[in-house]
C-alpha atoms as a PDB file:
ATOM      1  CA  UNK A   1       0.000   0.000   0.000  1.00  0.00           C
ATOM      2  CA  UNK A   2       1.238   3.473  -0.895  1.00  0.00           C
ATOM      3  CA  UNK A   3      -0.381   6.527   0.685  1.00  0.00           C
ATOM      4  CA  UNK A   4      -1.226   9.422  -1.626  1.00  0.00           C
ATOM      5  CA  UNK A   5      -3.047  11.806   0.730  1.00  0.00           C
ATOM      6  CA  UNK A   6      -4.982  12.205   3.948  1.00  0.00           C
ATOM      7  CA  UNK A   7      -7.576  14.879   4.597  1.00  0.00           C
ATOM      8  CA  UNK A   8      -9.072  15.703   8.002  1.00  0.00           C
ATOM      9  CA  UNK A   9     -12.126  17.745   8.875  1.00  0.00           C
ATOM     10  CA  UNK A  10     -13.058  18.665  12.469  1.00  0.00           C
ATOM     11  CA  UNK A  11     -10.447  16.308  13.886  1.00  0.00           C
ATOM     12  CA  UNK A  12      -9.207  17.525  17.286  1.00  0.00           C
ATOM     13  CA  UNK A  13      -7.188  20.702  16.586  1.00  0.00           C
ATOM     14  CA  UNK A  14      -7.470  20.356  12.789  1.00  0.00           C
ATOM     15  CA  UNK A  15     -10.502  22.200  11.408  1.00  0.00           C
ATOM     16  CA  UNK A  16      -9.378  21.216   7.912  1.00  0.00           C
ATOM     17  CA  UNK A  17      -6.036  19.690   7.021  1.00  0.00           C
ATOM     18  CA  UNK A  18      -4.826  17.988   3.850  1.00  0.00           C
ATOM     19  CA  UNK A  19      -1.462  16.292   3.494  1.00  0.00           C
ATOM     20  CA  UNK A  20      -0.313  15.048   0.098  1.00  0.00           C
ATOM     21  CA  UNK A  21       2.406  12.433   0.449  1.00  0.00           C
ATOM     22  CA  UNK A  22       5.462  12.690  -1.793  1.00  0.00           C
ATOM     23  CA  UNK A  23       6.320   9.630  -3.886  1.00  0.00           C
ATOM     24  CA  UNK A  24       9.756   9.394  -2.271  1.00  0.00           C
ATOM     25  CA  UNK A  25       9.301  10.543   1.335  1.00  0.00           C
ATOM     26  CA  UNK A  26       7.150  12.845   3.439  1.00  0.00           C
ATOM     27  CA  UNK A  27       8.262  14.404   6.711  1.00  0.00           C
ATOM     28  CA  UNK A  28       5.649  15.586   9.182  1.00  0.00           C
ATOM     29  CA  UNK A  29       7.196  18.031  11.619  1.00  0.00           C
ATOM     30  CA  UNK A  30       6.153  20.845  13.918  1.00  0.00           C
ATOM     31  CA  UNK A  31       6.268  22.048  17.501  1.00  0.00           C
ATOM     32  CA  UNK A  32       4.848  20.063  20.400  1.00  0.00           C
ATOM     33  CA  UNK A  33       1.041  19.866  20.492  1.00  0.00           C
ATOM     34  CA  UNK A  34       0.690  20.981  16.847  1.00  0.00           C
ATOM     35  CA  UNK A  35      -1.180  17.837  15.730  1.00  0.00           C
ATOM     36  CA  UNK A  36       1.474  15.527  14.281  1.00  0.00           C
ATOM     37  CA  UNK A  37       0.300  12.492  16.258  1.00  0.00           C
ATOM     38  CA  UNK A  38      -3.310  13.388  15.487  1.00  0.00           C
ATOM     39  CA  UNK A  39      -2.612  12.844  11.771  1.00  0.00           C
ATOM     40  CA  UNK A  40      -1.359   9.319  12.497  1.00  0.00           C
ATOM     41  CA  UNK A  41      -4.300   8.638  14.814  1.00  0.00           C
ATOM     42  CA  UNK A  42      -6.694   9.695  12.024  1.00  0.00           C
ATOM     43  CA  UNK A  43      -4.904   7.402   9.583  1.00  0.00           C
ATOM     44  CA  UNK A  44      -5.208   4.481  12.000  1.00  0.00           C
ATOM     45  CA  UNK A  45      -8.869   5.155  12.832  1.00  0.00           C
ATOM     46  CA  UNK A  46      -9.731   5.614   9.156  1.00  0.00           C
ATOM     47  CA  UNK A  47      -8.197   2.282   8.215  1.00  0.00           C
ATOM     48  CA  UNK A  48      -9.211   0.140  11.191  1.00  0.00           C
ATOM     49  CA  UNK A  49     -12.214   1.570  13.128  1.00  0.00           C
ATOM     50  CA  UNK A  50     -15.859   1.235  12.160  1.00  0.00           C
ATOM     51  CA  UNK A  51     -17.529   4.537  11.291  1.00  0.00           C
ATOM     52  CA  UNK A  52     -20.295   3.857  13.816  1.00  0.00           C
ATOM     53  CA  UNK A  53     -17.963   3.062  16.718  1.00  0.00           C
ATOM     54  CA  UNK A  54     -18.927   4.780  19.960  1.00  0.00           C
ATOM     55  CA  UNK A  55     -15.748   4.090  21.933  1.00  0.00           C
ATOM     56  CA  UNK A  56     -14.216   6.699  24.237  1.00  0.00           C
ATOM     57  CA  UNK A  57     -11.327   7.128  21.789  1.00  0.00           C
ATOM     58  CA  UNK A  58     -13.703   8.040  18.978  1.00  0.00           C
ATOM     59  CA  UNK A  59     -15.529  10.566  21.138  1.00  0.00           C
ATOM     60  CA  UNK A  60     -12.197  12.297  21.865  1.00  0.00           C
ATOM     61  CA  UNK A  61     -11.561  13.188  18.214  1.00  0.00           C
ATOM     62  CA  UNK A  62     -14.256  15.888  18.234  1.00  0.00           C
ATOM     63  CA  UNK A  63     -12.658  19.357  18.263  1.00  0.00           C
ATOM     64  CA  UNK A  64     -12.106  20.729  21.752  1.00  0.00           C
ATOM     65  CA  UNK A  65     -13.925  23.988  20.972  1.00  0.00           C
ATOM     66  CA  UNK A  66     -16.892  22.282  19.260  1.00  0.00           C
ATOM     67  CA  UNK A  67     -20.400  23.277  20.234  1.00  0.00           C
ATOM     68  CA  UNK A  68     -23.265  20.913  19.591  1.00  0.00           C
ATOM     69  CA  UNK A  69     -23.026  17.724  17.562  1.00  0.00           C
ATOM     70  CA  UNK A  70     -20.118  17.911  15.137  1.00  0.00           C
ATOM     71  CA  UNK A  71     -18.870  15.015  13.044  1.00  0.00           C
ATOM     72  CA  UNK A  72     -15.219  14.341  12.243  1.00  0.00           C
ATOM     73  CA  UNK A  73     -14.164  13.060   8.817  1.00  0.00           C
ATOM     74  CA  UNK A  74     -11.010  11.408   7.502  1.00  0.00           C
ATOM     75  CA  UNK A  75     -10.398  10.759   3.812  1.00  0.00           C
ATOM     76  CA  UNK A  76      -7.455   8.561   2.807  1.00  0.00           C
ATOM     77  CA  UNK A  77      -6.333   8.071  -0.801  1.00  0.00           C
ATOM     78  CA  UNK A  78      -3.923   5.196  -1.476  1.00  0.00           C
ATOM     79  CA  UNK A  79      -2.826   2.716  -4.144  1.00  0.00           C
ATOM     80  CA  UNK A  80      -2.439  -1.037  -3.922  1.00  0.00           C
ATOM     81  CA  UNK A  81      -0.954  -2.990  -6.832  1.00  0.00           C
ATOM     82  CA  UNK A  82      -1.545  -0.046  -9.154  1.00  0.00           C
ATOM     83  CA  UNK A  83      -5.228   0.325  -8.183  1.00  0.00           C
ATOM     84  CA  UNK A  84      -6.249   3.648  -6.615  1.00  0.00           C
ATOM     85  CA  UNK A  85      -8.666   3.712  -3.660  1.00  0.00           C
ATOM     86  CA  UNK A  86     -10.398   6.466  -1.723  1.00  0.00           C
ATOM     87  CA  UNK A  87     -11.573   5.679   1.807  1.00  0.00           C
ATOM     88  CA  UNK A  88     -13.735   8.202   3.635  1.00  0.00           C
ATOM     89  CA  UNK A  89     -15.202   7.754   7.122  1.00  0.00           C
ATOM     90  CA  UNK A  90     -17.237  10.111   9.262  1.00  0.00           C
ATOM     91  CA  UNK A  91     -17.317   9.603  13.026  1.00  0.00           C
ATOM     92  CA  UNK A  92     -19.635  10.911  15.764  1.00  0.00           C
END
């Protein structure tokens, strides 16, 4: 599997964030508490969690300053054996 991009919406501190992965290498860097680990958490949850999960971990992805019921979305684009896939999940 080769990642092409990940896009987050209303995911913890990321209102909207899109990362396009380079074909050779991508470096994610930034100061402490800037959301680097959140990107990897979103990738993991997008690939392995059910969209209708109600676990405590899923409830924690809602933005801290959110008012009311807000959903969080992750969209992952990747290729496997030359085939391109787009996976989108909305939580909460």
